[in-house]
Amino acid sequence: MKLFAAIDGGGSRSELILFGEDLKIRERRCGGALNFNESPDAAAGALRALTQGICADFLYAGISGAGNRGGEIHKQLCGSAFGQVRVESDLKNLMLAEFAADAGSCVISGTGSSCLAKRADIGGREGGYRRIGGWGYLIDSRGSGFDIGRCAIEAMLMTLDGRASGGEALRLLWRERFGKPPEEMLSEIYDGGKRFIAGIAPMVMDAASQGDAVSARIIDENIGAIAGMISAAADFICADENTDSFPGFRAVLTGGVAENLPGAVNAVAAKLTGELNAKKVLSVELASTPQICGAALGALAMCGIAPDHGVRDVIVGEYRKNSFQSGHQAAQTGGLT
């Protein structure tokens, strides 16, 4: 019997399952962070620990940072323990888990943000993919916890020096949490970097819920950025389709901003009012399928087993039968994943 190994690796944790052709899970492991962009040496060590002693005919690994460092990751995994190895972005895990062979769009909105769009598979041939956004926080951070936090700190400092006004509730919440204003914490902010700044996002959400206009504007702009990713995804997915006969696709959100911001799904859908009909976006909803199950579908596809919904449902049922809890793909900080 052939054995399959599947890995879902993100910035806060990783997961591996080993299963057979009967789709029964033989082993499951959880490990450390696997973000090869941020901490390649630490991620390499965590990957070695996760896979130690595991042997499989096919290994599919969806790992954060694979878009840039896929060759390095593939080289590390290749060896006698695995017959064939395929390395992809962890976003591919999410796409396969939610859509199997169908068209769809997934947006991760956590510490960072990114979107992946997929056209439907046709005749066993994998549909095309397009990455939208997610080019790194120094370049492209809209729709993320980092952007929400950075804009909030900027707004408070601009109010301090007279270039802007408002944000009283936000500044009060900051002082309640840290005991001093942001202008007295520049060293802590810079030392904490991306994760510290992204950790401010829940505070901005709280301030917005209290009627703080500055915070509400920041949230609204980032919701608009998420909607913009989905709109671009719709353009890609529908580009080669007969829009009259094309059934449309779902857009799925995941990550701490999407999951912890009250009304995020409805707010994104409201920004897409026109696209919901004209661009065939059937719905906007939160992700509900464990990402590791998408990696399992990827492993099966390596030996010619199509990732259809029937196979997906069996794998998900087997996973949940064992009461496993799904991990997330993005780094966790301040309540965001």
C-alpha atoms as a PDB file:
ATOM      1  CA  MET A   1       0.000   0.000   0.000  1.00  0.00           C
ATOM      2  CA  LYS A   2       1.282   3.421  -0.937  1.00  0.00           C
ATOM      3  CA  LEU A   3       1.851   5.920   1.875  1.00  0.00           C
ATOM      4  CA  PHE A   4       1.256   9.656   1.599  1.00  0.00           C
ATOM      5  CA  ALA A   5       2.589  12.467   3.769  1.00  0.00           C
ATOM      6  CA  ALA A   6       1.105  15.961   3.831  1.00  0.00           C
ATOM      7  CA  ILE A   7       2.491  19.084   5.507  1.00  0.00           C
ATOM      8  CA  ASP A   8       0.821  22.397   6.283  1.00  0.00           C
ATOM      9  CA  GLY A   9       3.409  24.868   7.541  1.00  0.00           C
ATOM     10  CA  GLY A  10       2.924  28.483   8.551  1.00  0.00           C
ATOM     11  CA  GLY A  11       4.459  31.216  10.646  1.00  0.00           C
ATOM     12  CA  SER A  12       3.132  30.026  13.998  1.00  0.00           C
ATOM     13  CA  ARG A  13       2.926  26.237  13.727  1.00  0.00           C
ATOM     14  CA  SER A  14       3.115  23.283  11.396  1.00  0.00           C
ATOM     15  CA  GLU A  15       1.292  19.997  10.961  1.00  0.00           C
ATOM     16  CA  LEU A  16       1.979  16.680   9.246  1.00  0.00           C
ATOM     17  CA  ILE A  17      -0.283  13.713   8.607  1.00  0.00           C
ATOM     18  CA  LEU A  18       0.691  10.309   7.256  1.00  0.00           C
ATOM     19  CA  PHE A  19      -2.032   8.246   5.580  1.00  0.00           C
ATOM     20  CA  GLY A  20      -2.517   5.341   3.190  1.00  0.00           C
ATOM     21  CA  GLU A  21      -4.422   4.688  -0.014  1.00  0.00           C
ATOM     22  CA  ASP A  22      -7.430   3.818   2.149  1.00  0.00           C
ATOM     23  CA  LEU A  23      -7.283   7.450   3.390  1.00  0.00           C
ATOM     24  CA  LYS A  24      -6.886   6.286   7.006  1.00  0.00           C
ATOM     25  CA  ILE A  25      -4.560   8.521   9.018  1.00  0.00           C
ATOM     26  CA  ARG A  26      -1.614   6.567  10.433  1.00  0.00           C
ATOM     27  CA  GLU A  27       0.133   9.391  12.247  1.00  0.00           C
ATOM     28  CA  ARG A  28      -0.264  13.071  12.951  1.00  0.00           C
ATOM     29  CA  ARG A  29       2.377  15.489  14.208  1.00  0.00           C
ATOM     30  CA  CYS A  30       2.408  19.165  15.156  1.00  0.00           C
ATOM     31  CA  GLY A  31       5.566  21.239  15.088  1.00  0.00           C
ATOM     32  CA  GLY A  32       7.056  24.709  15.128  1.00  0.00           C
ATOM     33  CA  ALA A  33       6.825  27.639  12.764  1.00  0.00           C
ATOM     34  CA  LEU A  34       7.746  27.080   9.114  1.00  0.00           C
ATOM     35  CA  ASN A  35       8.112  30.553   7.653  1.00  0.00           C
ATOM     36  CA  PHE A  36      11.174  30.308   5.423  1.00  0.00           C
ATOM     37  CA  ASN A  37      11.026  33.994   4.487  1.00  0.00           C
ATOM     38  CA  GLU A  38      11.323  35.304   8.030  1.00  0.00           C
ATOM     39  CA  SER A  39      13.466  32.687   9.802  1.00  0.00           C
ATOM     40  CA  PRO A  40      14.916  30.218   7.278  1.00  0.00           C
ATOM     41  CA  ASP A  41      17.344  28.534   9.672  1.00  0.00           C
ATOM     42  CA  ALA A  42      14.748  28.052  12.398  1.00  0.00           C
ATOM     43  CA  ALA A  43      12.205  26.863   9.823  1.00  0.00           C
ATOM     44  CA  ALA A  44      14.681  24.323   8.416  1.00  0.00           C
ATOM     45  CA  GLY A  45      15.248  22.935  11.906  1.00  0.00           C
ATOM     46  CA  ALA A  46      11.525  22.734  12.593  1.00  0.00           C
ATOM     47  CA  LEU A  47      10.980  20.930   9.283  1.00  0.00           C
ATOM     48  CA  ARG A  48      13.669  18.373  10.110  1.00  0.00           C
ATOM     49  CA  ALA A  49      12.049  17.710  13.476  1.00  0.00           C
ATOM     50  CA  LEU A  50       8.581  17.430  11.943  1.00  0.00           C
ATOM     51  CA  THR A  51       9.612  14.870   9.314  1.00  0.00           C
ATOM     52  CA  GLN A  52      12.157  12.865  11.331  1.00  0.00           C
ATOM     53  CA  GLY A  53      11.461   9.148  10.988  1.00  0.00           C
ATOM     54  CA  ILE A  54       8.601   9.650   8.505  1.00  0.00           C
ATOM     55  CA  CYS A  55       8.694   7.624   5.289  1.00  0.00           C
ATOM     56  CA  ALA A  56       6.217   7.967   2.433  1.00  0.00           C
ATOM     57  CA  ASP A  57       5.956   7.306  -1.281  1.00  0.00           C
ATOM     58  CA  PHE A  58       4.571  10.805  -1.882  1.00  0.00           C
ATOM     59  CA  LEU A  59       5.130  13.977   0.147  1.00  0.00           C
ATOM     60  CA  TYR A  60       3.215  17.198  -0.517  1.00  0.00           C
ATOM     61  CA  ALA A  61       4.342  20.188   1.532  1.00  0.00           C
ATOM     62  CA  GLY A  62       2.463  23.485   1.517  1.00  0.00           C
ATOM     63  CA  ILE A  63       4.765  25.830   3.417  1.00  0.00           C
ATOM     64  CA  SER A  64       4.909  29.566   4.039  1.00  0.00           C
ATOM     65  CA  GLY A  65       7.749  31.087   2.039  1.00  0.00           C
ATOM     66  CA  ALA A  66       7.774  28.382  -0.626  1.00  0.00           C
ATOM     67  CA  GLY A  67       7.015  30.970  -3.281  1.00  0.00           C
ATOM     68  CA  ASN A  68      10.490  32.416  -2.780  1.00  0.00           C
ATOM     69  CA  ARG A  69      12.406  29.512  -1.253  1.00  0.00           C
ATOM     70  CA  GLY A  70      10.694  26.475  -2.723  1.00  0.00           C
ATOM     71  CA  GLY A  71      13.925  25.142  -4.189  1.00  0.00           C
ATOM     72  CA  GLU A  72      15.683  25.190  -0.819  1.00  0.00           C
ATOM     73  CA  ILE A  73      12.759  23.476   0.888  1.00  0.00           C
ATOM     74  CA  HIS A  74      12.517  20.838  -1.848  1.00  0.00           C
ATOM     75  CA  LYS A  75      16.222  20.089  -1.566  1.00  0.00           C
ATOM     76  CA  GLN A  76      15.920  19.603   2.192  1.00  0.00           C
ATOM     77  CA  LEU A  77      12.994  17.195   1.844  1.00  0.00           C
ATOM     78  CA  CYS A  78      14.380  15.104  -1.003  1.00  0.00           C
ATOM     79  CA  GLY A  79      16.052  11.883   0.087  1.00  0.00           C
ATOM     80  CA  SER A  80      15.522   8.208   0.679  1.00  0.00           C
ATOM     81  CA  ALA A  81      12.639   8.781   3.115  1.00  0.00           C
ATOM     82  CA  PHE A  82      10.327  10.103   0.399  1.00  0.00           C
ATOM     83  CA  GLY A  83       9.802   8.763  -3.096  1.00  0.00           C
ATOM     84  CA  GLN A  84       8.432  11.948  -4.682  1.00  0.00           C
ATOM     85  CA  VAL A  85       8.318  15.431  -3.187  1.00  0.00           C
ATOM     86  CA  ARG A  86       6.272  18.481  -4.182  1.00  0.00           C
ATOM     87  CA  VAL A  87       6.604  21.842  -2.436  1.00  0.00           C
ATOM     88  CA  GLU A  88       4.013  24.611  -2.783  1.00  0.00           C
ATOM     89  CA  SER A  89       2.833  27.686  -0.899  1.00  0.00           C
ATOM     90  CA  ASP A  90       0.632  27.078   2.137  1.00  0.00           C
ATOM     91  CA  LEU A  91      -2.054  29.049   0.273  1.00  0.00           C
ATOM     92  CA  LYS A  92      -2.366  26.068  -2.084  1.00  0.00           C
ATOM     93  CA  ASN A  93      -3.363  23.925   0.923  1.00  0.00           C
ATOM     94  CA  LEU A  94      -6.177  26.320   1.688  1.00  0.00           C
ATOM     95  CA  MET A  95      -7.339  26.398  -1.929  1.00  0.00           C
ATOM     96  CA  LEU A  96      -7.447  22.611  -2.243  1.00  0.00           C
ATOM     97  CA  ALA A  97      -9.145  22.219   1.142  1.00  0.00           C
ATOM     98  CA  GLU A  98     -11.914  24.673   0.320  1.00  0.00           C
ATOM     99  CA  PHE A  99     -12.446  24.157  -3.411  1.00  0.00           C
ATOM    100  CA  ALA A 100     -10.872  20.820  -4.442  1.00  0.00           C
ATOM    101  CA  ALA A 101     -11.056  21.006  -8.271  1.00  0.00           C
ATOM    102  CA  ASP A 102     -13.422  24.000  -8.446  1.00  0.00           C
ATOM    103  CA  ALA A 103     -12.641  27.635  -9.119  1.00  0.00           C
ATOM    104  CA  GLY A 104     -12.273  29.862  -6.098  1.00  0.00           C
ATOM    105  CA  SER A 105     -10.443  32.626  -4.300  1.00  0.00           C
ATOM    106  CA  CYS A 106      -8.838  32.625  -0.851  1.00  0.00           C
ATOM    107  CA  VAL A 107      -7.685  35.682   1.067  1.00  0.00           C
ATOM    108  CA  ILE A 108      -5.438  35.420   4.103  1.00  0.00           C
ATOM    109  CA  SER A 109      -5.827  38.493   6.296  1.00  0.00           C
ATOM    110  CA  GLY A 110      -3.777  38.063   9.438  1.00  0.00           C
ATOM    111  CA  THR A 111      -0.425  39.535  10.378  1.00  0.00           C
ATOM    112  CA  GLY A 112       0.143  39.844   6.635  1.00  0.00           C
ATOM    113  CA  SER A 113      -2.225  39.524   3.718  1.00  0.00           C
ATOM    114  CA  SER A 114      -2.329  37.721   0.396  1.00  0.00           C
ATOM    115  CA  CYS A 115      -4.796  36.233  -2.048  1.00  0.00           C
ATOM    116  CA  LEU A 116      -4.734  33.270  -4.394  1.00  0.00           C
ATOM    117  CA  ALA A 117      -7.180  32.787  -7.255  1.00  0.00           C
ATOM    118  CA  LYS A 118      -7.750  29.465  -9.005  1.00  0.00           C
ATOM    119  CA  ARG A 119      -9.560  28.548 -12.187  1.00  0.00           C
ATOM    120  CA  ALA A 120     -11.476  25.288 -12.253  1.00  0.00           C
ATOM    121  CA  ASP A 121      -9.718  22.044 -13.199  1.00  0.00           C
ATOM    122  CA  ILE A 122     -10.796  20.748 -16.613  1.00  0.00           C
ATOM    123  CA  GLY A 123     -10.523  17.121 -17.671  1.00  0.00           C
ATOM    124  CA  GLY A 124      -8.074  16.321 -14.896  1.00  0.00           C
ATOM    125  CA  ARG A 125      -5.844  19.263 -15.856  1.00  0.00           C
ATOM    126  CA  GLU A 126      -5.141  21.612 -12.986  1.00  0.00           C
ATOM    127  CA  GLY A 127      -6.608  25.076 -13.436  1.00  0.00           C
ATOM    128  CA  GLY A 128      -4.350  28.104 -13.495  1.00  0.00           C
ATOM    129  CA  TYR A 129      -3.458  30.054 -10.362  1.00  0.00           C
ATOM    130  CA  ARG A 130      -2.736  33.735  -9.805  1.00  0.00           C
ATOM    131  CA  ARG A 131      -1.191  35.319  -6.724  1.00  0.00           C
ATOM    132  CA  ILE A 132      -2.728  38.674  -5.821  1.00  0.00           C
ATOM    133  CA  GLY A 133      -1.089  40.862  -3.192  1.00  0.00           C
ATOM    134  CA  GLY A 134       1.043  39.469  -0.404  1.00  0.00           C
ATOM    135  CA  TRP A 135       4.336  40.781  -1.765  1.00  0.00           C
ATOM    136  CA  GLY A 136       5.723  41.354   1.712  1.00  0.00           C
ATOM    137  CA  TYR A 137       5.008  43.892   4.436  1.00  0.00           C
ATOM    138  CA  LEU A 138       7.688  46.331   3.258  1.00  0.00           C
ATOM    139  CA  ILE A 139       5.992  46.582  -0.135  1.00  0.00           C
ATOM    140  CA  ASP A 140       2.374  45.427   0.003  1.00  0.00           C
ATOM    141  CA  SER A 141       0.581  45.129   3.338  1.00  0.00           C
ATOM    142  CA  ARG A 142      -2.957  46.393   2.690  1.00  0.00           C
ATOM    143  CA  GLY A 143      -5.694  44.265   4.169  1.00  0.00           C
ATOM    144  CA  SER A 144      -3.516  42.988   7.021  1.00  0.00           C
ATOM    145  CA  GLY A 145      -3.089  43.342  10.754  1.00  0.00           C
ATOM    146  CA  PHE A 146       0.270  44.982  10.114  1.00  0.00           C
ATOM    147  CA  ASP A 147      -1.266  47.694   7.944  1.00  0.00           C
ATOM    148  CA  ILE A 148      -4.038  48.331  10.467  1.00  0.00           C
ATOM    149  CA  GLY A 149      -1.502  48.646  13.287  1.00  0.00           C
ATOM    150  CA  ARG A 150       0.948  50.770  11.295  1.00  0.00           C
ATOM    151  CA  CYS A 151      -1.763  53.187  10.164  1.00  0.00           C
ATOM    152  CA  ALA A 152      -3.027  53.504  13.736  1.00  0.00           C
ATOM    153  CA  ILE A 153       0.423  54.353  15.126  1.00  0.00           C
ATOM    154  CA  GLU A 154       0.971  56.812  12.288  1.00  0.00           C
ATOM    155  CA  ALA A 155      -2.397  58.464  12.950  1.00  0.00           C
ATOM    156  CA  MET A 156      -1.651  58.906  16.662  1.00  0.00           C
ATOM    157  CA  LEU A 157       1.764  60.418  15.971  1.00  0.00           C
ATOM    158  CA  MET A 158       0.350  62.734  13.282  1.00  0.00           C
ATOM    159  CA  THR A 159      -2.248  63.956  15.770  1.00  0.00           C
ATOM    160  CA  LEU A 160       0.520  64.545  18.285  1.00  0.00           C
ATOM    161  CA  ASP A 161       2.539  66.774  15.940  1.00  0.00           C
ATOM    162  CA  GLY A 162      -0.455  68.649  14.550  1.00  0.00           C
ATOM    163  CA  ARG A 163      -0.786  67.111  11.091  1.00  0.00           C
ATOM    164  CA  ALA A 164      -4.083  65.376  11.910  1.00  0.00           C
ATOM    165  CA  SER A 165      -6.778  65.221  14.573  1.00  0.00           C
ATOM    166  CA  GLY A 166      -9.040  62.669  16.239  1.00  0.00           C
ATOM    167  CA  GLY A 167      -8.341  59.167  17.473  1.00  0.00           C
ATOM    168  CA  GLU A 168      -8.967  59.896  21.155  1.00  0.00           C
ATOM    169  CA  ALA A 169     -10.438  56.454  21.897  1.00  0.00           C
ATOM    170  CA  LEU A 170      -7.524  54.761  20.166  1.00  0.00           C
ATOM    171  CA  ARG A 171      -4.964  56.744  22.134  1.00  0.00           C
ATOM    172  CA  LEU A 172      -6.799  55.971  25.398  1.00  0.00           C
ATOM    173  CA  LEU A 173      -6.802  52.236  24.692  1.00  0.00           C
ATOM    174  CA  TRP A 174      -3.083  52.407  23.882  1.00  0.00           C
ATOM    175  CA  ARG A 175      -2.296  54.046  27.225  1.00  0.00           C
ATOM    176  CA  GLU A 176      -4.477  51.528  29.073  1.00  0.00           C
ATOM    177  CA  ARG A 177      -2.526  48.671  27.510  1.00  0.00           C
ATOM    178  CA  PHE A 178       1.027  50.031  27.602  1.00  0.00           C
ATOM    179  CA  GLY A 179       0.947  52.674  30.317  1.00  0.00           C
ATOM    180  CA  LYS A 180       2.570  55.317  28.118  1.00  0.00           C
ATOM    181  CA  PRO A 181       1.861  56.940  24.724  1.00  0.00           C
ATOM    182  CA  PRO A 182       3.319  55.665  21.437  1.00  0.00           C
ATOM    183  CA  GLU A 183       5.756  58.565  21.105  1.00  0.00           C
ATOM    184  CA  GLU A 184       7.499  57.258  24.234  1.00  0.00           C
ATOM    185  CA  MET A 185       7.677  53.709  22.852  1.00  0.00           C
ATOM    186  CA  LEU A 186       9.494  54.128  19.558  1.00  0.00           C
ATOM    187  CA  SER A 187      12.295  51.760  20.612  1.00  0.00           C
ATOM    188  CA  GLU A 188       9.801  49.077  21.608  1.00  0.00           C
ATOM    189  CA  ILE A 189       7.885  49.524  18.364  1.00  0.00           C
ATOM    190  CA  TYR A 190      10.959  49.216  16.172  1.00  0.00           C
ATOM    191  CA  ASP A 191      12.402  46.348  18.207  1.00  0.00           C
ATOM    192  CA  GLY A 192       9.086  44.491  18.037  1.00  0.00           C
ATOM    193  CA  GLY A 193       8.827  45.105  14.313  1.00  0.00           C
ATOM    194  CA  LYS A 194       6.094  43.574  12.199  1.00  0.00           C
ATOM    195  CA  ARG A 195       4.630  41.341  14.883  1.00  0.00           C
ATOM    196  CA  PHE A 196       4.377  44.075  17.485  1.00  0.00           C
ATOM    197  CA  ILE A 197       2.711  46.425  15.015  1.00  0.00           C
ATOM    198  CA  ALA A 198       0.278  43.771  13.780  1.00  0.00           C
ATOM    199  CA  GLY A 199      -0.588  43.057  17.410  1.00  0.00           C
ATOM    200  CA  ILE A 200      -2.102  46.543  17.638  1.00  0.00           C
ATOM    201  CA  ALA A 201      -4.870  45.603  15.192  1.00  0.00           C
ATOM    202  CA  PRO A 202      -7.295  44.214  17.827  1.00  0.00           C
ATOM    203  CA  MET A 203      -6.965  47.508  19.702  1.00  0.00           C
ATOM    204  CA  VAL A 204      -7.902  49.418  16.539  1.00  0.00           C
ATOM    205  CA  MET A 205     -10.905  47.126  16.090  1.00  0.00           C
ATOM    206  CA  ASP A 206     -11.990  47.885  19.672  1.00  0.00           C
ATOM    207  CA  ALA A 207     -11.590  51.626  19.144  1.00  0.00           C
ATOM    208  CA  ALA A 208     -13.618  51.463  15.930  1.00  0.00           C
ATOM    209  CA  SER A 209     -16.404  49.608  17.747  1.00  0.00           C
ATOM    210  CA  GLN A 210     -16.470  52.468  20.275  1.00  0.00           C
ATOM    211  CA  GLY A 211     -17.085  54.980  17.498  1.00  0.00           C
ATOM    212  CA  ASP A 212     -13.525  56.240  16.992  1.00  0.00           C
ATOM    213  CA  ALA A 213     -13.628  57.766  13.509  1.00  0.00           C
ATOM    214  CA  VAL A 214      -9.905  57.424  12.819  1.00  0.00           C
ATOM    215  CA  SER A 215      -9.923  53.726  13.681  1.00  0.00           C
ATOM    216  CA  ALA A 216     -13.111  53.145  11.686  1.00  0.00           C
ATOM    217  CA  ARG A 217     -11.490  54.736   8.626  1.00  0.00           C
ATOM    218  CA  ILE A 218      -8.411  52.535   8.946  1.00  0.00           C
ATOM    219  CA  ILE A 219     -10.556  49.414   9.224  1.00  0.00           C
ATOM    220  CA  ASP A 220     -12.717  50.460   6.283  1.00  0.00           C
ATOM    221  CA  GLU A 221      -9.675  51.065   4.062  1.00  0.00           C
ATOM    222  CA  ASN A 222      -8.295  47.620   4.852  1.00  0.00           C
ATOM    223  CA  ILE A 223     -11.666  45.980   4.242  1.00  0.00           C
ATOM    224  CA  GLY A 224     -11.635  47.730   0.882  1.00  0.00           C
ATOM    225  CA  ALA A 225      -8.192  46.297   0.160  1.00  0.00           C
ATOM    226  CA  ILE A 226      -9.452  42.764   0.839  1.00  0.00           C
ATOM    227  CA  ALA A 227     -12.415  43.370  -1.458  1.00  0.00           C
ATOM    228  CA  GLY A 228     -10.020  44.661  -4.102  1.00  0.00           C
ATOM    229  CA  MET A 229      -8.072  41.388  -4.015  1.00  0.00           C
ATOM    230  CA  ILE A 230     -11.272  39.417  -4.529  1.00  0.00           C
ATOM    231  CA  SER A 231     -12.309  41.700  -7.392  1.00  0.00           C
ATOM    232  CA  ALA A 232      -8.943  41.104  -9.091  1.00  0.00           C
ATOM    233  CA  ALA A 233      -9.350  37.378  -8.471  1.00  0.00           C
ATOM    234  CA  ALA A 234     -12.748  37.492 -10.187  1.00  0.00           C
ATOM    235  CA  ASP A 235     -11.205  39.167 -13.223  1.00  0.00           C
ATOM    236  CA  PHE A 236      -8.633  36.371 -13.476  1.00  0.00           C
ATOM    237  CA  ILE A 237     -11.027  33.484 -12.847  1.00  0.00           C
ATOM    238  CA  CYS A 238     -13.645  34.723 -15.303  1.00  0.00           C
ATOM    239  CA  ALA A 239     -11.254  35.955 -18.014  1.00  0.00           C
ATOM    240  CA  ASP A 240     -11.551  32.829 -20.188  1.00  0.00           C
ATOM    241  CA  GLU A 241     -15.088  31.899 -19.191  1.00  0.00           C
ATOM    242  CA  ASN A 242     -18.413  32.463 -20.891  1.00  0.00           C
ATOM    243  CA  THR A 243     -19.891  34.574 -18.121  1.00  0.00           C
ATOM    244  CA  ASP A 244     -23.437  33.608 -19.075  1.00  0.00           C
ATOM    245  CA  SER A 245     -22.809  29.907 -18.452  1.00  0.00           C
ATOM    246  CA  PHE A 246     -20.066  30.102 -15.808  1.00  0.00           C
ATOM    247  CA  PRO A 247     -21.648  29.140 -12.440  1.00  0.00           C
ATOM    248  CA  GLY A 248     -19.470  31.509 -10.411  1.00  0.00           C
ATOM    249  CA  PHE A 249     -17.151  30.941  -7.475  1.00  0.00           C
ATOM    250  CA  ARG A 250     -16.863  31.401  -3.712  1.00  0.00           C
ATOM    251  CA  ALA A 251     -14.428  33.752  -2.005  1.00  0.00           C
ATOM    252  CA  VAL A 252     -13.075  32.502   1.318  1.00  0.00           C
ATOM    253  CA  LEU A 253     -11.395  34.530   4.059  1.00  0.00           C
ATOM    254  CA  THR A 254      -9.093  33.323   6.814  1.00  0.00           C
ATOM    255  CA  GLY A 255      -6.609  34.812   9.285  1.00  0.00           C
ATOM    256  CA  GLY A 256      -6.944  36.850  12.455  1.00  0.00           C
ATOM    257  CA  VAL A 257      -8.335  40.036  10.897  1.00  0.00           C
ATOM    258  CA  ALA A 258     -11.006  38.156   8.970  1.00  0.00           C
ATOM    259  CA  GLU A 259     -11.902  35.930  11.922  1.00  0.00           C
ATOM    260  CA  ASN A 260     -11.743  38.462  14.783  1.00  0.00           C
ATOM    261  CA  LEU A 261     -13.121  41.620  13.207  1.00  0.00           C
ATOM    262  CA  PRO A 262     -16.884  41.668  13.848  1.00  0.00           C
ATOM    263  CA  GLY A 263     -18.800  41.749  10.607  1.00  0.00           C
ATOM    264  CA  ALA A 264     -15.695  41.419   8.412  1.00  0.00           C
ATOM    265  CA  VAL A 265     -17.322  39.004   5.975  1.00  0.00           C
ATOM    266  CA  ASN A 266     -20.414  41.157   5.514  1.00  0.00           C
ATOM    267  CA  ALA A 267     -18.280  44.297   5.208  1.00  0.00           C
ATOM    268  CA  VAL A 268     -16.169  42.751   2.440  1.00  0.00           C
ATOM    269  CA  ALA A 269     -19.308  41.521   0.675  1.00  0.00           C
ATOM    270  CA  ALA A 270     -20.803  45.030   0.876  1.00  0.00           C
ATOM    271  CA  LYS A 271     -17.734  46.434  -0.882  1.00  0.00           C
ATOM    272  CA  LEU A 272     -18.307  43.855  -3.617  1.00  0.00           C
ATOM    273  CA  THR A 273     -21.986  44.587  -4.224  1.00  0.00           C
ATOM    274  CA  GLY A 274     -21.532  44.998  -7.967  1.00  0.00           C
ATOM    275  CA  GLU A 275     -19.049  42.144  -8.352  1.00  0.00           C
ATOM    276  CA  LEU A 276     -21.340  39.672  -6.561  1.00  0.00           C
ATOM    277  CA  ASN A 277     -23.407  39.622  -9.734  1.00  0.00           C
ATOM    278  CA  ALA A 278     -21.304  41.070 -12.555  1.00  0.00           C
ATOM    279  CA  LYS A 279     -18.161  39.104 -11.659  1.00  0.00           C
ATOM    280  CA  LYS A 280     -19.846  35.894 -10.522  1.00  0.00           C
ATOM    281  CA  VAL A 281     -18.731  36.054  -6.860  1.00  0.00           C
ATOM    282  CA  LEU A 282     -21.356  33.748  -5.357  1.00  0.00           C
ATOM    283  CA  SER A 283     -20.493  34.386  -1.711  1.00  0.00           C
ATOM    284  CA  VAL A 284     -17.907  35.659   0.740  1.00  0.00           C
ATOM    285  CA  GLU A 285     -17.401  33.430   3.763  1.00  0.00           C
ATOM    286  CA  LEU A 286     -14.909  32.287   6.364  1.00  0.00           C
ATOM    287  CA  ALA A 287     -12.768  29.230   5.646  1.00  0.00           C
ATOM    288  CA  SER A 288     -14.130  26.099   7.311  1.00  0.00           C
ATOM    289  CA  THR A 289     -11.978  23.166   6.141  1.00  0.00           C
ATOM    290  CA  PRO A 290      -8.694  22.183   7.868  1.00  0.00           C
ATOM    291  CA  GLN A 291      -5.811  23.257   5.641  1.00  0.00           C
ATOM    292  CA  ILE A 292      -3.875  20.046   6.236  1.00  0.00           C
ATOM    293  CA  CYS A 293      -6.670  18.253   4.359  1.00  0.00           C
ATOM    294  CA  GLY A 294      -5.837  20.368   1.318  1.00  0.00           C
ATOM    295  CA  ALA A 295      -2.214  19.237   1.549  1.00  0.00           C
ATOM    296  CA  ALA A 296      -3.472  15.650   1.688  1.00  0.00           C
ATOM    297  CA  LEU A 297      -5.374  16.213  -1.568  1.00  0.00           C
ATOM    298  CA  GLY A 298      -2.187  17.575  -3.066  1.00  0.00           C
ATOM    299  CA  ALA A 299      -0.316  14.420  -2.077  1.00  0.00           C
ATOM    300  CA  LEU A 300      -2.979  12.201  -3.652  1.00  0.00           C
ATOM    301  CA  ALA A 301      -2.882  14.237  -6.860  1.00  0.00           C
ATOM    302  CA  MET A 302       0.823  13.413  -7.175  1.00  0.00           C
ATOM    303  CA  CYS A 303      -0.090   9.827  -8.046  1.00  0.00           C
ATOM    304  CA  GLY A 304      -3.057  10.687 -10.247  1.00  0.00           C
ATOM    305  CA  ILE A 305      -5.938  10.732  -7.745  1.00  0.00           C
ATOM    306  CA  ALA A 306      -7.996  13.791  -8.669  1.00  0.00           C
ATOM    307  CA  PRO A 307      -8.802  16.204  -5.809  1.00  0.00           C
ATOM    308  CA  ASP A 308     -12.575  15.972  -6.109  1.00  0.00           C
ATOM    309  CA  HIS A 309     -15.109  16.765  -3.393  1.00  0.00           C
ATOM    310  CA  GLY A 310     -15.811  13.107  -2.617  1.00  0.00           C
ATOM    311  CA  VAL A 311     -12.189  12.374  -1.762  1.00  0.00           C
ATOM    312  CA  ARG A 312     -11.940  15.684   0.105  1.00  0.00           C
ATOM    313  CA  ASP A 313     -14.973  14.853   2.254  1.00  0.00           C
ATOM    314  CA  VAL A 314     -13.554  11.442   3.200  1.00  0.00           C
ATOM    315  CA  ILE A 315     -10.239  12.977   4.271  1.00  0.00           C
ATOM    316  CA  VAL A 316     -11.946  15.739   6.255  1.00  0.00           C
ATOM    317  CA  GLY A 317     -14.225  13.186   7.921  1.00  0.00           C
ATOM    318  CA  GLU A 318     -11.262  11.010   8.873  1.00  0.00           C
ATOM    319  CA  TYR A 319      -9.392  14.012  10.241  1.00  0.00           C
ATOM    320  CA  ARG A 320     -12.318  15.266  12.304  1.00  0.00           C
ATOM    321  CA  LYS A 321     -13.203  11.784  13.500  1.00  0.00           C
ATOM    322  CA  ASN A 322      -9.917  11.821  15.356  1.00  0.00           C
ATOM    323  CA  SER A 323     -10.850  15.200  16.913  1.00  0.00           C
ATOM    324  CA  PHE A 324      -7.835  16.916  15.411  1.00  0.00           C
ATOM    325  CA  GLN A 325      -7.802  20.706  15.517  1.00  0.00           C
ATOM    326  CA  SER A 326      -6.703  22.537  12.391  1.00  0.00           C
ATOM    327  CA  GLY A 327      -3.730  24.906  12.475  1.00  0.00           C
ATOM    328  CA  HIS A 328      -3.495  28.198  10.609  1.00  0.00           C
ATOM    329  CA  GLN A 329      -1.009  29.197   8.030  1.00  0.00           C
ATOM    330  CA  ALA A 330       0.070  32.646   9.132  1.00  0.00           C
ATOM    331  CA  ALA A 331       2.132  33.862  12.059  1.00  0.00           C
ATOM    332  CA  GLN A 332       0.281  34.559  15.289  1.00  0.00           C
ATOM    333  CA  THR A 333       0.689  37.751  17.270  1.00  0.00           C
ATOM    334  CA  GLY A 334      -1.625  39.751  19.470  1.00  0.00           C
ATOM    335  CA  GLY A 335      -4.592  37.554  18.641  1.00  0.00           C
ATOM    336  CA  LEU A 336      -3.969  37.539  14.902  1.00  0.00           C
ATOM    337  CA  THR A 337      -3.044  34.533  12.791  1.00  0.00           C
END
